[in-house]
Amino acid sequence: MNFDDALNKFLRYLKLEKQYSVHTSAGYKRDINQFKIFLEDEYDYLLKDVEKISPATIREYLSTMIVSGISRRSVARKLSALRSFFKYLFRQGDIQKTPTDNINAPKLNKPLPKFLTIKEIDRLVNAIDRETFIGKRIYALIEVLYSTGMRVSEVVSLKHNQIQWREGIVRVIGKGNKERLVMLGSAALSMLKNYIGDAGYDRRSSVEYIFRNKFGKQLNVKTVQTDISTLAKIAGINRDVTPHILRHSFATHMLDAGADLRSVQELLGHASLSTTQIYTHVTPDRLKKAYEKAHPRK
């Protein structure tokens, strides 16, 4: 079940069965819609299937709100709305488990978003078997994810006509057909050309998508997640590495290098600046640069 259908079903339940007031129902709708905006910004593919929303996604959403300065009382209320929403879907048999179990918002600290260091990015790509067709595909995927900050769903939906090769620009079609421009670095451009230029790449195929599976069809998100997780283990990175962590890494490294928050928001395609603000955590490098730039007796 997609998110909009699930929410409409829940709101009908509040009105007809629970007989909540218009004001109370509007509060639930507002709080749950805020979570929907977060999903649109960060995990848009989850909007197609609420069953795939995990506790980790809920925790990241709550952390985003806390980091952006929303009071813990408000966070607790929003979690309560989500808990009611998912419990209802569970009782209706629309989902097999509730992702809000064992989550207590008021006790949450302000965890930093997970990201890779630049050295870990290097270790990841150095672990790739670059001589194979699949290796070239994984290399291109990682470089595009890290170079652009695109969502994994956007990358697997990328078509040839969306890339301006000479300028190194990608025209991304995001949620609601909203368009934005992102930049492809030289490494990403080089690896994309290397992948497409491989003898195993069927350039005569009618499939428009750049990234394809072994059957020539559009590559799916799950395959990308599995490939990157497996590669991280080979690289000796002893923690979970996902395509989304590469998006986090892009935003963190951009801000560390001095990019302004609004520009990063635009590149990530965030509707809300508060979502982007989770990346403004202070890393040691940024702290040192700020000190050396600002302190009169550095």
Protein backbone atom coordinates (compact mmCIF):
# COMPACT_ATOMS: atom_id res chain seq x y z
CA MET A 1 0.00 0.00 0.00
CA ASN A 2 1.34 3.43 -0.84
CA PHE A 3 1.64 6.16 1.77
CA ASP A 4 -1.18 8.40 0.51
CA ASP A 5 -3.70 5.54 0.40
CA ALA A 6 -2.67 4.42 3.88
CA LEU A 7 -3.01 7.94 5.30
CA ASN A 8 -6.42 8.51 3.72
CA LYS A 9 -7.61 5.19 5.09
CA PHE A 10 -6.35 6.11 8.58
CA LEU A 11 -8.00 9.54 8.48
CA ARG A 12 -11.35 7.98 7.50
CA TYR A 13 -10.97 5.64 10.49
CA LEU A 14 -10.38 8.60 12.83
CA LYS A 15 -13.44 10.40 11.48
CA LEU A 16 -15.95 7.57 11.13
CA GLU A 17 -14.97 5.05 13.79
CA LYS A 18 -13.08 7.03 16.42
CA GLN A 19 -15.29 10.08 15.77
CA TYR A 20 -12.45 12.45 16.50
CA SER A 21 -13.06 16.16 16.12
CA VAL A 22 -12.02 17.97 12.96
CA HIS A 23 -9.29 19.72 14.98
CA THR A 24 -7.86 16.45 16.37
CA SER A 25 -7.93 14.70 12.99
CA ALA A 26 -6.23 17.71 11.39
CA GLY A 27 -3.45 17.45 13.99
CA TYR A 28 -2.84 13.79 13.13
CA LYS A 29 -2.84 14.61 9.43
CA ARG A 30 -0.39 17.48 9.91
CA ASP A 31 2.05 15.40 11.98
CA ILE A 32 1.96 12.41 9.64
CA ASN A 33 2.31 14.63 6.58
CA GLN A 34 5.50 16.05 8.09
CA PHE A 35 6.90 12.52 8.12
CA LYS A 36 5.78 12.17 4.50
CA ILE A 37 7.79 15.30 3.59
CA PHE A 38 10.85 13.74 5.24
CA LEU A 39 10.37 10.58 3.16
CA GLU A 40 10.02 12.66 -0.01
CA ASP A 41 13.30 14.37 0.85
CA GLU A 42 15.30 11.31 1.87
CA TYR A 43 13.61 7.99 1.02
CA ASP A 44 11.05 8.71 -1.68
CA TYR A 45 10.86 5.07 -2.81
CA LEU A 46 9.37 4.14 0.59
CA LEU A 47 6.26 6.18 -0.26
CA LYS A 48 5.30 3.43 -2.68
CA ASP A 49 5.16 0.78 0.04
CA VAL A 50 4.64 1.61 3.74
CA GLU A 51 5.55 -1.98 4.61
CA LYS A 52 9.21 -1.18 3.87
CA ILE A 53 9.44 1.70 6.37
CA SER A 54 11.86 0.54 9.09
CA PRO A 55 12.55 1.57 12.70
CA ALA A 56 15.88 3.04 11.49
CA THR A 57 13.98 5.39 9.17
CA ILE A 58 11.69 6.49 12.03
CA ARG A 59 14.70 7.14 14.28
CA GLU A 60 16.44 9.18 11.61
CA TYR A 61 13.29 11.26 11.14
CA LEU A 62 13.00 11.94 14.87
CA SER A 63 16.70 12.79 15.08
CA THR A 64 16.30 15.23 12.19
CA MET A 65 13.58 17.07 14.11
CA ILE A 66 15.61 17.20 17.32
CA VAL A 67 18.69 18.50 15.52
CA SER A 68 16.60 21.19 13.78
CA GLY A 69 15.48 22.50 17.19
CA ILE A 70 11.96 21.08 17.51
CA SER A 71 11.09 20.56 21.17
CA ARG A 72 11.11 17.06 22.58
CA ARG A 73 7.47 17.50 23.57
CA SER A 74 6.58 18.12 19.91
CA VAL A 75 8.75 15.21 18.79
CA ALA A 76 6.95 12.94 21.27
CA ARG A 77 3.57 14.08 19.90
CA LYS A 78 4.64 13.41 16.31
CA LEU A 79 5.91 9.97 17.29
CA SER A 80 2.58 9.28 19.00
CA ALA A 81 0.74 10.14 15.77
CA LEU A 82 3.00 7.82 13.77
CA ARG A 83 2.59 5.07 16.34
CA SER A 84 -1.22 5.29 16.05
CA PHE A 85 -0.96 5.35 12.26
CA PHE A 86 1.22 2.25 11.98
CA LYS A 87 -0.66 0.32 14.68
CA TYR A 88 -3.87 0.90 12.75
CA LEU A 89 -2.28 -0.36 9.53
CA PHE A 90 -0.98 -3.40 11.42
CA ARG A 91 -4.43 -4.21 12.82
CA GLN A 92 -5.87 -3.89 9.33
CA GLY A 93 -3.31 -6.33 7.95
CA ASP A 94 -1.78 -3.71 5.66
CA ILE A 95 1.67 -4.14 7.23
CA GLN A 96 3.25 -7.14 8.94
CA LYS A 97 5.09 -5.22 11.67
CA THR A 98 5.03 -1.76 13.24
CA PRO A 99 8.25 0.26 12.77
CA THR A 100 7.53 2.49 15.78
CA ASP A 101 7.91 -0.27 18.40
CA ASN A 102 10.52 0.32 21.11
CA ILE A 103 11.18 3.92 20.04
CA ASN A 104 11.01 6.57 22.73
CA ALA A 105 11.49 10.06 21.34
CA PRO A 106 12.04 12.04 24.56
CA LYS A 107 15.03 9.85 25.45
CA LEU A 108 16.73 10.33 22.08
CA ASN A 109 20.02 12.17 22.00
CA LYS A 110 21.13 14.11 18.96
CA PRO A 111 22.91 11.41 16.95
CA LEU A 112 24.92 12.50 13.96
CA PRO A 113 23.94 11.15 10.55
CA LYS A 114 26.19 8.31 9.53
CA PHE A 115 28.70 9.13 6.83
CA LEU A 116 31.96 7.82 5.42
CA THR A 117 35.24 9.66 5.72
CA ILE A 118 37.06 10.55 2.50
CA LYS A 119 39.57 7.78 3.26
CA GLU A 120 36.73 5.28 3.62
CA ILE A 121 35.30 6.38 0.27
CA ASP A 122 38.73 5.66 -1.22
CA ARG A 123 38.84 2.24 0.46
CA LEU A 124 35.39 1.44 -0.89
CA VAL A 125 36.24 2.17 -4.53
CA ASN A 126 39.69 0.58 -4.25
CA ALA A 127 38.01 -2.71 -3.30
CA ILE A 128 36.15 -2.87 -6.63
CA ASP A 129 37.18 -5.38 -9.29
CA ARG A 130 37.45 -2.82 -12.08
CA GLU A 131 38.06 -5.34 -14.85
CA THR A 132 34.56 -6.86 -14.76
CA PHE A 133 31.38 -5.38 -16.21
CA ILE A 134 29.60 -5.59 -12.83
CA GLY A 135 32.59 -3.95 -11.17
CA LYS A 136 32.42 -1.08 -13.64
CA ARG A 137 28.71 -0.70 -12.92
CA ILE A 138 29.24 -0.62 -9.14
CA TYR A 139 32.09 1.88 -9.54
CA ALA A 140 29.90 4.17 -11.66
CA LEU A 141 27.02 3.85 -9.19
CA ILE A 142 29.16 4.79 -6.20
CA GLU A 143 30.77 7.73 -7.96
CA VAL A 144 27.40 9.08 -9.12
CA LEU A 145 25.82 8.67 -5.66
CA TYR A 146 28.74 10.38 -3.93
CA SER A 147 29.35 13.03 -6.59
CA THR A 148 25.75 14.21 -6.87
CA GLY A 149 24.08 13.38 -3.53
CA MET A 150 21.19 11.88 -5.51
CA ARG A 151 18.77 9.48 -3.87
CA VAL A 152 19.34 5.86 -4.88
CA SER A 153 15.85 5.77 -6.44
CA GLU A 154 16.82 8.75 -8.61
CA VAL A 155 20.07 7.12 -9.71
CA VAL A 156 18.45 3.85 -10.82
CA SER A 157 15.84 5.93 -12.70
CA LEU A 158 18.53 7.98 -14.46
CA LYS A 159 18.18 8.08 -18.24
CA HIS A 160 20.74 8.97 -20.90
CA ASN A 161 18.92 12.15 -21.94
CA GLN A 162 19.14 13.56 -18.41
CA ILE A 163 22.93 13.99 -18.59
CA GLN A 164 24.69 16.94 -20.18
CA TRP A 165 28.02 15.20 -20.70
CA ARG A 166 30.11 18.20 -21.72
CA GLU A 167 28.95 20.36 -18.80
CA GLY A 168 28.87 17.54 -16.25
CA ILE A 169 25.29 18.32 -15.24
CA VAL A 170 22.43 15.95 -14.46
CA ARG A 171 18.80 17.00 -14.76
CA VAL A 172 17.14 15.08 -11.93
CA ILE A 173 13.41 14.42 -11.99
CA GLY A 174 12.39 14.12 -8.35
CA LYS A 175 9.14 13.67 -6.46
CA GLY A 176 6.11 15.16 -8.21
CA ASN A 177 8.16 15.58 -11.42
CA LYS A 178 10.04 18.42 -9.73
CA GLU A 179 13.27 19.09 -11.58
CA ARG A 180 16.64 20.11 -10.16
CA LEU A 181 20.19 20.24 -11.47
CA VAL A 182 23.10 18.43 -9.82
CA MET A 183 26.78 18.28 -10.72
CA LEU A 184 28.78 15.28 -11.90
CA GLY A 185 32.42 15.43 -10.87
CA SER A 186 35.19 14.30 -13.20
CA ALA A 187 35.52 10.92 -11.44
CA ALA A 188 31.80 10.20 -11.81
CA LEU A 189 31.82 11.23 -15.48
CA SER A 190 34.86 9.06 -16.16
CA MET A 191 33.37 5.99 -14.46
CA LEU A 192 30.01 6.44 -16.19
CA LYS A 193 31.72 6.53 -19.59
CA ASN A 194 33.84 3.52 -18.61
CA TYR A 195 30.70 1.56 -17.67
CA ILE A 196 28.70 2.52 -20.76
CA GLY A 197 31.71 1.92 -23.00
CA ASP A 198 32.20 -1.67 -21.81
CA ALA A 199 31.61 -4.41 -24.34
CA GLY A 200 29.00 -5.91 -22.03
CA TYR A 201 26.82 -2.81 -22.19
CA ASP A 202 24.05 -3.19 -24.78
CA ARG A 203 23.93 0.21 -26.44
CA ARG A 204 21.31 -1.00 -28.93
CA SER A 205 18.80 -1.76 -26.18
CA SER A 206 15.53 0.17 -26.20
CA VAL A 207 15.80 0.50 -22.40
CA GLU A 208 16.39 4.18 -21.61
CA TYR A 209 17.81 3.67 -18.12
CA ILE A 210 21.58 3.93 -17.74
CA PHE A 211 21.90 1.37 -14.95
CA ARG A 212 20.62 -2.07 -15.94
CA ASN A 213 20.60 -5.58 -14.54
CA LYS A 214 21.91 -8.66 -16.31
CA PHE A 215 18.62 -9.02 -18.18
CA GLY A 216 18.89 -5.52 -19.63
CA LYS A 217 16.10 -4.16 -17.44
CA GLN A 218 16.20 -1.21 -15.05
CA LEU A 219 18.39 -1.91 -12.03
CA ASN A 220 16.44 -1.98 -8.76
CA VAL A 221 17.23 -0.30 -5.45
CA LYS A 222 17.68 -3.60 -3.60
CA THR A 223 20.47 -4.72 -5.94
CA VAL A 224 22.36 -1.45 -5.40
CA GLN A 225 21.96 -1.78 -1.62
CA THR A 226 23.25 -5.37 -1.66
CA ASP A 227 26.20 -4.58 -3.96
CA ILE A 228 27.39 -1.65 -1.83
CA SER A 229 26.95 -3.52 1.46
CA THR A 230 28.95 -6.47 0.10
CA LEU A 231 31.67 -4.18 -1.23
CA ALA A 232 31.99 -2.44 2.14
CA LYS A 233 32.70 -5.78 3.82
CA ILE A 234 35.36 -6.55 1.22
CA ALA A 235 36.88 -3.11 1.89
CA GLY A 236 37.06 -3.89 5.61
CA ILE A 237 34.59 -1.17 6.63
CA ASN A 238 33.06 -2.77 9.70
CA ARG A 239 29.67 -1.09 9.75
CA ASP A 240 26.61 -0.96 7.56
CA VAL A 241 27.19 1.02 4.38
CA THR A 242 24.14 1.90 2.29
CA PRO A 243 23.55 4.07 -0.78
CA HIS A 244 21.98 6.61 1.56
CA ILE A 245 25.19 6.88 3.58
CA LEU A 246 26.88 8.04 0.38
CA ARG A 247 24.23 10.78 0.15
CA HIS A 248 24.98 11.69 3.79
CA SER A 249 28.69 11.70 2.98
CA PHE A 250 28.17 14.01 0.01
CA ALA A 251 26.29 16.55 2.16
CA THR A 252 28.74 16.33 5.07
CA HIS A 253 31.84 16.73 2.90
CA MET A 254 30.26 19.61 0.95
CA LEU A 255 29.52 21.52 4.15
CA ASP A 256 32.96 20.69 5.57
CA ALA A 257 34.50 22.25 2.46
CA GLY A 258 32.55 25.48 2.95
CA ALA A 259 29.39 25.03 0.86
CA ASP A 260 26.43 27.00 2.19
CA LEU A 261 23.40 25.21 3.60
CA ARG A 262 20.96 26.57 1.02
CA SER A 263 23.08 25.30 -1.88
CA VAL A 264 23.33 21.85 -0.32
CA GLN A 265 19.56 21.89 0.24
CA GLU A 266 19.03 22.63 -3.46
CA LEU A 267 21.47 19.90 -4.58
CA LEU A 268 19.84 17.32 -2.31
CA GLY A 269 16.35 18.31 -3.44
CA HIS A 270 15.08 18.88 0.09
CA ALA A 271 11.74 20.63 0.38
CA SER A 272 12.52 21.61 3.96
CA LEU A 273 15.72 23.29 5.18
CA SER A 274 15.25 21.53 8.54
CA THR A 275 15.96 18.21 6.82
CA THR A 276 19.25 19.57 5.50
CA GLN A 277 20.21 20.97 8.91
CA ILE A 278 20.94 17.48 10.23
CA TYR A 279 24.17 17.66 8.21
CA THR A 280 25.43 20.73 10.06
CA HIS A 281 27.00 18.61 12.78
CA VAL A 282 30.48 19.76 13.71
CA THR A 283 33.24 17.45 12.53
CA PRO A 284 36.80 17.87 13.84
CA ASP A 285 38.01 19.19 10.47
CA ARG A 286 35.30 21.82 10.31
CA LEU A 287 35.94 22.81 13.92
CA LYS A 288 39.66 23.25 13.20
CA LYS A 289 39.00 25.28 10.04
CA ALA A 290 36.54 27.53 11.86
CA TYR A 291 39.04 28.08 14.66
CA GLU A 292 41.93 28.88 12.30
CA LYS A 293 39.77 31.24 10.29
CA ALA A 294 38.19 33.13 13.16
CA HIS A 295 40.45 33.11 16.22
CA PRO A 296 42.82 36.12 16.42
CA ARG A 297 45.57 34.11 18.14
CA LYS A 298 45.29 30.84 16.26
